[in-house]
PDB file of N, CA and C in Angstrom:
ATOM      1  N   MET A   1      29.757  25.886   2.545  1.00  0.00           N
ATOM      2  CA  MET A   1      29.062  24.671   2.130  1.00  0.00           C
ATOM      3  C   MET A   1      27.807  25.047   1.348  1.00  0.00           C
ATOM      4  N   LYS A   2      27.688  24.538   0.157  1.00  0.00           N
ATOM      5  CA  LYS A   2      26.530  24.804  -0.689  1.00  0.00           C
ATOM      6  C   LYS A   2      25.363  23.925  -0.234  1.00  0.00           C
ATOM      7  N   MET A   3      24.217  24.564  -0.001  1.00  0.00           N
ATOM      8  CA  MET A   3      23.032  23.822   0.417  1.00  0.00           C
ATOM      9  C   MET A   3      22.192  23.525  -0.819  1.00  0.00           C
ATOM     10  N   PRO A   4      21.885  22.254  -1.078  1.00  0.00           N
ATOM     11  CA  PRO A   4      21.073  21.927  -2.253  1.00  0.00           C
ATOM     12  C   PRO A   4      19.653  22.475  -2.092  1.00  0.00           C
ATOM     13  N   ILE A   5      19.067  22.912  -3.187  1.00  0.00           N
ATOM     14  CA  ILE A   5      17.706  23.452  -3.181  1.00  0.00           C
ATOM     15  C   ILE A   5      16.849  22.589  -4.090  1.00  0.00           C
ATOM     16  N   THR A   6      15.606  22.390  -3.686  1.00  0.00           N
ATOM     17  CA  THR A   6      14.660  21.626  -4.483  1.00  0.00           C
ATOM     18  C   THR A   6      13.327  22.352  -4.438  1.00  0.00           C
ATOM     19  N   LYS A   7      12.382  21.970  -5.282  1.00  0.00           N
ATOM     20  CA  LYS A   7      11.062  22.589  -5.216  1.00  0.00           C
ATOM     21  C   LYS A   7       9.994  21.518  -5.340  1.00  0.00           C
ATOM     22  N   MET A   8       8.811  21.874  -4.883  1.00  0.00           N
ATOM     23  CA  MET A   8       7.693  20.948  -4.884  1.00  0.00           C
ATOM     24  C   MET A   8       6.937  21.059  -6.205  1.00  0.00           C
ATOM     25  N   SER A   9       6.521  19.897  -6.741  1.00  0.00           N
ATOM     26  CA  SER A   9       5.746  19.875  -7.983  1.00  0.00           C
ATOM     27  C   SER A   9       4.280  20.180  -7.680  1.00  0.00           C
ATOM     28  N   SER A  10       3.489  20.300  -8.723  1.00  0.00           N
ATOM     29  CA  SER A  10       2.056  20.554  -8.548  1.00  0.00           C
ATOM     30  C   SER A  10       1.359  19.381  -7.859  1.00  0.00           C
ATOM     31  N   LYS A  11       1.986  18.204  -7.867  1.00  0.00           N
ATOM     32  CA  LYS A  11       1.430  17.021  -7.209  1.00  0.00           C
ATOM     33  C   LYS A  11       1.953  16.863  -5.783  1.00  0.00           C
ATOM     34  N   GLY A  12       2.733  17.830  -5.299  1.00  0.00           N
ATOM     35  CA  GLY A  12       3.273  17.753  -3.945  1.00  0.00           C
ATOM     36  C   GLY A  12       4.543  16.930  -3.836  1.00  0.00           C
ATOM     37  N   GLN A  13       5.138  16.578  -4.959  1.00  0.00           N
ATOM     38  CA  GLN A  13       6.345  15.763  -4.950  1.00  0.00           C
ATOM     39  C   GLN A  13       7.584  16.642  -4.821  1.00  0.00           C
ATOM     40  N   VAL A  14       8.541  16.162  -4.026  1.00  0.00           N
ATOM     41  CA  VAL A  14       9.799  16.869  -3.822  1.00  0.00           C
ATOM     42  C   VAL A  14      10.932  15.910  -4.167  1.00  0.00           C
ATOM     43  N   VAL A  15      11.887  16.378  -4.953  1.00  0.00           N
ATOM     44  CA  VAL A  15      13.039  15.569  -5.318  1.00  0.00           C
ATOM     45  C   VAL A  15      14.134  15.789  -4.277  1.00  0.00           C
ATOM     46  N   ILE A  16      14.668  14.692  -3.751  1.00  0.00           N
ATOM     47  CA  ILE A  16      15.825  14.786  -2.855  1.00  0.00           C
ATOM     48  C   ILE A  16      17.048  14.838  -3.758  1.00  0.00           C
ATOM     49  N   PRO A  17      17.836  15.900  -3.656  1.00  0.00           N
ATOM     50  CA  PRO A  17      18.980  16.052  -4.553  1.00  0.00           C
ATOM     51  C   PRO A  17      19.911  14.833  -4.527  1.00  0.00           C
ATOM     52  N   GLN A  18      20.487  14.530  -5.688  1.00  0.00           N
ATOM     53  CA  GLN A  18      21.332  13.356  -5.859  1.00  0.00           C
ATOM     54  C   GLN A  18      22.468  13.307  -4.841  1.00  0.00           C
ATOM     55  N   GLU A  19      23.121  14.431  -4.599  1.00  0.00           N
ATOM     56  CA  GLU A  19      24.258  14.416  -3.670  1.00  0.00           C
ATOM     57  C   GLU A  19      23.819  14.023  -2.257  1.00  0.00           C
ATOM     58  N   VAL A  20      22.603  14.398  -1.870  1.00  0.00           N
ATOM     59  CA  VAL A  20      22.084  14.021  -0.549  1.00  0.00           C
ATOM     60  C   VAL A  20      21.739  12.539  -0.542  1.00  0.00           C
ATOM     61  N   ARG A  21      21.091  12.070  -1.621  1.00  0.00           N
ATOM     62  CA  ARG A  21      20.753  10.635  -1.706  1.00  0.00           C
ATOM     63  C   ARG A  21      22.005   9.780  -1.630  1.00  0.00           C
ATOM     64  N   GLU A  22      23.042  10.179  -2.342  1.00  0.00           N
ATOM     65  CA  GLU A  22      24.284   9.413  -2.336  1.00  0.00           C
ATOM     66  C   GLU A  22      24.941   9.433  -0.959  1.00  0.00           C
ATOM     67  N   GLU A  23      24.971  10.611  -0.351  1.00  0.00           N
ATOM     68  CA  GLU A  23      25.598  10.741   0.972  1.00  0.00           C
ATOM     69  C   GLU A  23      24.905   9.859   2.013  1.00  0.00           C
ATOM     70  N   LEU A  24      23.569   9.766   1.913  1.00  0.00           N
ATOM     71  CA  LEU A  24      22.798   8.987   2.888  1.00  0.00           C
ATOM     72  C   LEU A  24      22.547   7.550   2.439  1.00  0.00           C
ATOM     73  N   GLY A  25      22.960   7.217   1.216  1.00  0.00           N
ATOM     74  CA  GLY A  25      22.749   5.857   0.714  1.00  0.00           C
ATOM     75  C   GLY A  25      21.284   5.550   0.462  1.00  0.00           C
ATOM     76  N   LEU A  26      20.524   6.531  -0.006  1.00  0.00           N
ATOM     77  CA  LEU A  26      19.092   6.359  -0.247  1.00  0.00           C
ATOM     78  C   LEU A  26      18.844   5.840  -1.652  1.00  0.00           C
ATOM     79  N   GLY A  27      17.888   4.924  -1.754  1.00  0.00           N
ATOM     80  CA  GLY A  27      17.528   4.371  -3.048  1.00  0.00           C
ATOM     81  C   GLY A  27      16.034   4.437  -3.275  1.00  0.00           C
ATOM     82  N   GLU A  28      15.632   4.051  -4.464  1.00  0.00           N
ATOM     83  CA  GLU A  28      14.217   4.048  -4.831  1.00  0.00           C
ATOM     84  C   GLU A  28      13.417   3.186  -3.856  1.00  0.00           C
ATOM     85  N   GLY A  29      12.257   3.668  -3.468  1.00  0.00           N
ATOM     86  CA  GLY A  29      11.369   2.907  -2.598  1.00  0.00           C
ATOM     87  C   GLY A  29      11.602   3.122  -1.114  1.00  0.00           C
ATOM     88  N   GLU A  30      12.560   3.974  -0.753  1.00  0.00           N
ATOM     89  CA  GLU A  30      12.800   4.253   0.664  1.00  0.00           C
ATOM     90  C   GLU A  30      11.539   4.846   1.283  1.00  0.00           C
ATOM     91  N   LEU A  31      11.312   4.553   2.545  1.00  0.00           N
ATOM     92  CA  LEU A  31      10.156   5.080   3.260  1.00  0.00           C
ATOM     93  C   LEU A  31      10.591   6.166   4.234  1.00  0.00           C
ATOM     94  N   PHE A  32       9.741   7.201   4.383  1.00  0.00           N
ATOM     95  CA  PHE A  32      10.038   8.308   5.279  1.00  0.00           C
ATOM     96  C   PHE A  32       8.802   8.684   6.077  1.00  0.00           C
ATOM     97  N   VAL A  33       9.019   9.115   7.292  1.00  0.00           N
ATOM     98  CA  VAL A  33       7.992   9.785   8.076  1.00  0.00           C
ATOM     99  C   VAL A  33       8.174  11.262   7.771  1.00  0.00           C
ATOM    100  N   VAL A  34       7.067  11.977   7.552  1.00  0.00           N
ATOM    101  CA  VAL A  34       7.140  13.396   7.236  1.00  0.00           C
ATOM    102  C   VAL A  34       6.619  14.186   8.422  1.00  0.00           C
ATOM    103  N   ILE A  35       7.454  15.113   8.916  1.00  0.00           N
ATOM    104  CA  ILE A  35       7.088  15.933  10.068  1.00  0.00           C
ATOM    105  C   ILE A  35       7.179  17.392   9.637  1.00  0.00           C
ATOM    106  N   GLY A  36       6.095  18.139   9.835  1.00  0.00           N
ATOM    107  CA  GLY A  36       6.095  19.550   9.485  1.00  0.00           C
ATOM    108  C   GLY A  36       5.786  20.394  10.710  1.00  0.00           C
ATOM    109  N   SER A  37       6.501  21.495  10.856  1.00  0.00           N
ATOM    110  CA  SER A  37       6.277  22.410  11.967  1.00  0.00           C
ATOM    111  C   SER A  37       6.705  23.804  11.530  1.00  0.00           C
ATOM    112  N   LYS A  38       5.759  24.730  11.567  1.00  0.00           N
ATOM    113  CA  LYS A  38       6.010  26.120  11.143  1.00  0.00           C
ATOM    114  C   LYS A  38       6.658  26.132   9.767  1.00  0.00           C
ATOM    115  N   ASP A  39       7.917  26.566   9.661  1.00  0.00           N
ATOM    116  CA  ASP A  39       8.552  26.660   8.351  1.00  0.00           C
ATOM    117  C   ASP A  39       9.562  25.536   8.109  1.00  0.00           C
ATOM    118  N   ALA A  40       9.480  24.462   8.898  1.00  0.00           N
ATOM    119  CA  ALA A  40      10.428  23.355   8.757  1.00  0.00           C
ATOM    120  C   ALA A  40       9.709  22.079   8.318  1.00  0.00           C
ATOM    121  N   LEU A  41      10.379  21.307   7.506  1.00  0.00           N
ATOM    122  CA  LEU A  41       9.875  20.014   7.052  1.00  0.00           C
ATOM    123  C   LEU A  41      10.984  19.003   7.267  1.00  0.00           C
ATOM    124  N   ILE A  42      10.677  17.919   7.976  1.00  0.00           N
ATOM    125  CA  ILE A  42      11.685  16.904   8.274  1.00  0.00           C
ATOM    126  C   ILE A  42      11.241  15.591   7.657  1.00  0.00           C
ATOM    127  N   LEU A  43      12.156  14.950   6.942  1.00  0.00           N
ATOM    128  CA  LEU A  43      11.938  13.599   6.433  1.00  0.00           C
ATOM    129  C   LEU A  43      12.814  12.679   7.261  1.00  0.00           C
ATOM    130  N   LYS A  44      12.196  11.745   7.971  1.00  0.00           N
ATOM    131  CA  LYS A  44      12.934  10.785   8.797  1.00  0.00           C
ATOM    132  C   LYS A  44      12.810   9.423   8.144  1.00  0.00           C
ATOM    133  N   GLN A  45      13.931   8.847   7.762  1.00  0.00           N
ATOM    134  CA  GLN A  45      13.918   7.548   7.097  1.00  0.00           C
ATOM    135  C   GLN A  45      13.371   6.476   8.035  1.00  0.00           C
ATOM    136  N   VAL A  46      12.495   5.658   7.496  1.00  0.00           N
ATOM    137  CA  VAL A  46      11.952   4.515   8.235  1.00  0.00           C
ATOM    138  C   VAL A  46      12.723   3.294   7.760  1.00  0.00           C
ATOM    139  N   LYS A  47      13.469   2.703   8.659  1.00  0.00           N
ATOM    140  CA  LYS A  47      14.287   1.543   8.279  1.00  0.00           C
ATOM    141  C   LYS A  47      13.555   0.257   8.635  1.00  0.00           C
ATOM    142  N   LYS A  48      13.555  -0.667   7.702  1.00  0.00           N
ATOM    143  CA  LYS A  48      12.971  -1.980   7.950  1.00  0.00           C
ATOM    144  C   LYS A  48      13.989  -2.809   8.733  1.00  0.00           C
ATOM    145  N   PRO A  49      13.524  -3.509   9.756  1.00  0.00           N
ATOM    146  CA  PRO A  49      14.469  -4.338  10.510  1.00  0.00           C
ATOM    147  C   PRO A  49      14.935  -5.525   9.660  1.00  0.00           C
ATOM    148  N   SER A  50      16.150  -5.959   9.923  1.00  0.00           N
ATOM    149  CA  SER A  50      16.679  -7.133   9.228  1.00  0.00           C
ATOM    150  C   SER A  50      16.027  -8.388   9.812  1.00  0.00           C
ATOM    151  N   THR A  51      16.151  -9.484   9.098  1.00  0.00           N
ATOM    152  CA  THR A  51      15.625 -10.755   9.591  1.00  0.00           C
ATOM    153  C   THR A  51      16.263 -11.107  10.929  1.00  0.00           C
ATOM    154  N   GLN A  52      17.550 -10.847  11.063  1.00  0.00           N
ATOM    155  CA  GLN A  52      18.247 -11.149  12.320  1.00  0.00           C
ATOM    156  C   GLN A  52      17.708 -10.301  13.461  1.00  0.00           C
ATOM    157  N   GLU A  53      17.441  -9.024  13.205  1.00  0.00           N
ATOM    158  CA  GLU A  53      16.880  -8.157  14.253  1.00  0.00           C
ATOM    159  C   GLU A  53      15.508  -8.657  14.694  1.00  0.00           C
ATOM    160  N   ILE A  54      14.697  -9.094  13.747  1.00  0.00           N
ATOM    161  CA  ILE A  54      13.374  -9.633  14.082  1.00  0.00           C
ATOM    162  C   ILE A  54      13.517 -10.903  14.906  1.00  0.00           C
ATOM    163  N   MET A  55      14.412 -11.800  14.492  1.00  0.00           N
ATOM    164  CA  MET A  55      14.615 -13.054  15.222  1.00  0.00           C
ATOM    165  C   MET A  55      15.116 -12.785  16.642  1.00  0.00           C
ATOM    166  N   ASP A  56      16.030 -11.836  16.800  1.00  0.00           N
ATOM    167  CA  ASP A  56      16.540 -11.486  18.130  1.00  0.00           C
ATOM    168  C   ASP A  56      15.415 -10.964  19.015  1.00  0.00           C
ATOM    169  N   GLU A  57      14.558 -10.118  18.456  1.00  0.00           N
ATOM    170  CA  GLU A  57      13.434  -9.561  19.216  1.00  0.00           C
ATOM    171  C   GLU A  57      12.446 -10.663  19.609  1.00  0.00           C
ATOM    172  N   LEU A  58      12.180 -11.595  18.692  1.00  0.00           N
ATOM    173  CA  LEU A  58      11.271 -12.703  19.001  1.00  0.00           C
ATOM    174  C   LEU A  58      11.835 -13.589  20.113  1.00  0.00           C
ATOM    175  N   LYS A  59      13.147 -13.791  20.130  1.00  0.00           N
ATOM    176  CA  LYS A  59      13.768 -14.579  21.205  1.00  0.00           C
ATOM    177  C   LYS A  59      13.581 -13.902  22.552  1.00  0.00           C
ATOM    178  N   ILE A  60      13.727 -12.584  22.575  1.00  0.00           N
ATOM    179  CA  ILE A  60      13.519 -11.836  23.817  1.00  0.00           C
ATOM    180  C   ILE A  60      12.077 -11.970  24.280  1.00  0.00           C
ATOM    181  N   ILE A  61      11.136 -11.817  23.352  1.00  0.00           N
ATOM    182  CA  ILE A  61       9.709 -11.943  23.679  1.00  0.00           C
ATOM    183  C   ILE A  61       9.415 -13.340  24.214  1.00  0.00           C
ATOM    184  N   ALA A  62       9.983 -14.371  23.583  1.00  0.00           N
ATOM    185  CA  ALA A  62       9.760 -15.753  24.021  1.00  0.00           C
ATOM    186  C   ALA A  62      10.302 -15.971  25.435  1.00  0.00           C
ATOM    187  N   ARG A  63      11.502 -15.442  25.721  1.00  0.00           N
ATOM    188  CA  ARG A  63      12.075 -15.582  27.068  1.00  0.00           C
ATOM    189  C   ARG A  63      11.201 -14.904  28.113  1.00  0.00           C
ATOM    190  N   GLU A  64      10.710 -13.689  27.795  1.00  0.00           N
ATOM    191  CA  GLU A  64       9.847 -12.972  28.731  1.00  0.00           C
ATOM    192  C   GLU A  64       8.545 -13.730  28.948  1.00  0.00           C
ATOM    193  N   GLY A  65       7.998 -14.274  27.864  1.00  0.00           N
ATOM    194  CA  GLY A  65       6.765 -15.060  27.983  1.00  0.00           C
ATOM    195  C   GLY A  65       6.968 -16.288  28.849  1.00  0.00           C
ATOM    196  N   LYS A  66       8.076 -16.960  28.666  1.00  0.00           N
ATOM    197  CA  LYS A  66       8.378 -18.161  29.462  1.00  0.00           C
ATOM    198  C   LYS A  66       8.504 -17.804  30.941  1.00  0.00           C
ATOM    199  N   LYS A  67       9.173 -16.680  31.243  1.00  0.00           N
ATOM    200  CA  LYS A  67       9.304 -16.234  32.637  1.00  0.00           C
ATOM    201  C   LYS A  67       7.932 -15.947  33.246  1.00  0.00           C
ATOM    202  N   ASN A  68       7.059 -15.287  32.468  1.00  0.00           N
ATOM    203  CA  ASN A  68       5.717 -14.980  32.965  1.00  0.00           C
ATOM    204  C   ASN A  68       4.914 -16.248  33.236  1.00  0.00           C
ATOM    205  N   LEU A  69       5.039 -17.241  32.353  1.00  0.00           N
ATOM    206  CA  LEU A  69       4.344 -18.510  32.558  1.00  0.00           C
ATOM    207  C   LEU A  69       4.865 -19.215  33.810  1.00  0.00           C
ATOM    208  N   GLU A  70       6.178 -19.201  34.005  1.00  0.00           N
ATOM    209  CA  GLU A  70       6.772 -19.842  35.180  1.00  0.00           C
ATOM    210  C   GLU A  70       6.283 -19.183  36.467  1.00  0.00           C
ATOM    211  N   LYS A  71       6.164 -17.848  36.445  1.00  0.00           N
ATOM    212  CA  LYS A  71       5.661 -17.118  37.618  1.00  0.00           C
ATOM    213  C   LYS A  71       4.233 -17.539  37.950  1.00  0.00           C
ATOM    214  N   LYS A  72       3.442 -17.868  36.924  1.00  0.00           N
ATOM    215  CA  LYS A  72       2.045 -18.276  37.124  1.00  0.00           C
ATOM    216  C   LYS A  72       1.905 -19.771  37.341  1.00  0.00           C
ATOM    217  N   GLY A  73       3.017 -20.476  37.314  1.00  0.00           N
ATOM    218  CA  GLY A  73       2.992 -21.918  37.546  1.00  0.00           C
ATOM    219  C   GLY A  73       2.507 -22.721  36.354  1.00  0.00           C
ATOM    220  N   ILE A  74       2.558 -22.142  35.172  1.00  0.00           N
ATOM    221  CA  ILE A  74       2.113 -22.842  33.966  1.00  0.00           C
ATOM    222  C   ILE A  74       3.336 -23.466  33.301  1.00  0.00           C
ATOM    223  N   LYS A  75       3.219 -24.756  32.998  1.00  0.00           N
ATOM    224  CA  LYS A  75       4.313 -25.476  32.353  1.00  0.00           C
ATOM    225  C   LYS A  75       4.028 -25.613  30.859  1.00  0.00           C
ATOM    226  N   GLU A  76       5.079 -25.859  30.090  1.00  0.00           N
ATOM    227  CA  GLU A  76       4.936 -25.963  28.638  1.00  0.00           C
ATOM    228  C   GLU A  76       3.913 -27.027  28.247  1.00  0.00           C
ATOM    229  N   LYS A  77       3.885 -28.123  28.986  1.00  0.00           N
ATOM    230  CA  LYS A  77       2.953 -29.206  28.654  1.00  0.00           C
ATOM    231  C   LYS A  77       1.491 -28.809  28.886  1.00  0.00           C
ATOM    232  N   ASP A  78       1.250 -27.749  29.673  1.00  0.00           N
ATOM    233  CA  ASP A  78      -0.122 -27.288  29.954  1.00  0.00           C
ATOM    234  C   ASP A  78      -0.692 -26.431  28.827  1.00  0.00           C
ATOM    235  N   ILE A  79       0.146 -25.901  27.975  1.00  0.00           N
ATOM    236  CA  ILE A  79      -0.280 -24.901  26.999  1.00  0.00           C
ATOM    237  C   ILE A  79      -1.282 -25.450  25.996  1.00  0.00           C
ATOM    238  N   GLN A  80      -1.066 -26.651  25.485  1.00  0.00           N
ATOM    239  CA  GLN A  80      -1.987 -27.234  24.505  1.00  0.00           C
ATOM    240  C   GLN A  80      -3.402 -27.291  25.061  1.00  0.00           C
ATOM    241  N   GLY A  81      -3.558 -27.746  26.279  1.00  0.00           N
ATOM    242  CA  GLY A  81      -4.880 -27.814  26.896  1.00  0.00           C
ATOM    243  C   GLY A  81      -5.503 -26.436  27.083  1.00  0.00           C
ATOM    244  N   ILE A  82      -4.697 -25.456  27.470  1.00  0.00           N
ATOM    245  CA  ILE A  82      -5.187 -24.084  27.654  1.00  0.00           C
ATOM    246  C   ILE A  82      -5.691 -23.523  26.323  1.00  0.00           C
ATOM    247  N   VAL A  83      -4.937 -23.769  25.253  1.00  0.00           N
ATOM    248  CA  VAL A  83      -5.328 -23.282  23.929  1.00  0.00           C
ATOM    249  C   VAL A  83      -6.629 -23.952  23.485  1.00  0.00           C
ATOM    250  N   GLU A  84      -6.736 -25.259  23.677  1.00  0.00           N
ATOM    251  CA  GLU A  84      -7.945 -25.974  23.275  1.00  0.00           C
ATOM    252  C   GLU A  84      -9.168 -25.470  24.028  1.00  0.00           C
ATOM    253  N   ARG A  85      -9.033 -25.255  25.333  1.00  0.00           N
ATOM    254  CA  ARG A  85     -10.161 -24.716  26.142  1.00  0.00           C
ATOM    255  C   ARG A  85     -10.550 -23.313  25.667  1.00  0.00           C
ATOM    256  N   ALA A  86      -9.559 -22.484  25.340  1.00  0.00           N
ATOM    257  CA  ALA A  86      -9.835 -21.123  24.887  1.00  0.00           C
ATOM    258  C   ALA A  86     -10.582 -21.147  23.536  1.00  0.00           C
ATOM    259  N   ARG A  87     -10.213 -22.064  22.672  1.00  0.00           N
ATOM    260  CA  ARG A  87     -10.868 -22.166  21.374  1.00  0.00           C
ATOM    261  C   ARG A  87     -12.316 -22.628  21.500  1.00  0.00           C
ATOM    262  N   ARG A  88     -12.579 -23.435  22.530  1.00  0.00           N
ATOM    263  CA  ARG A  88     -13.952 -23.910  22.762  1.00  0.00           C
ATOM    264  C   ARG A  88     -14.788 -22.841  23.482  1.00  0.00           C
ATOM    265  N   GLY A  89     -14.111 -21.759  23.914  1.00  0.00           N
ATOM    266  CA  GLY A  89     -14.820 -20.678  24.593  1.00  0.00           C
ATOM    267  C   GLY A  89     -14.954 -20.879  26.075  1.00  0.00           C
ATOM    268  N   GLY A  90     -14.130 -21.695  26.634  1.00  0.00           N
ATOM    269  CA  GLY A  90     -14.280 -21.939  28.059  1.00  0.00           C
ATOM    270  C   GLY A  90     -12.990 -21.966  28.722  1.00  0.00           C
TER     271      GLY A  90
END
């Protein structure tokens, strides 16, 4: 297996070889975390969550919040008053 080789420019830029980009489905603007240790350099792709993933996570957070409120005896109708008191500083 031929290992692609690249080099760093004077500005610290490194080109990811085309065959690697194609294999991984990488496009312009991709984000990476860069990890360096001794003689190794790792680029870990940072993936943005989809809208559906965000919505699913928010639903989980909302359910957990509702459970916590129920444990404290706070009802949904009480929240407006709690928010208003907090805004007034009391």
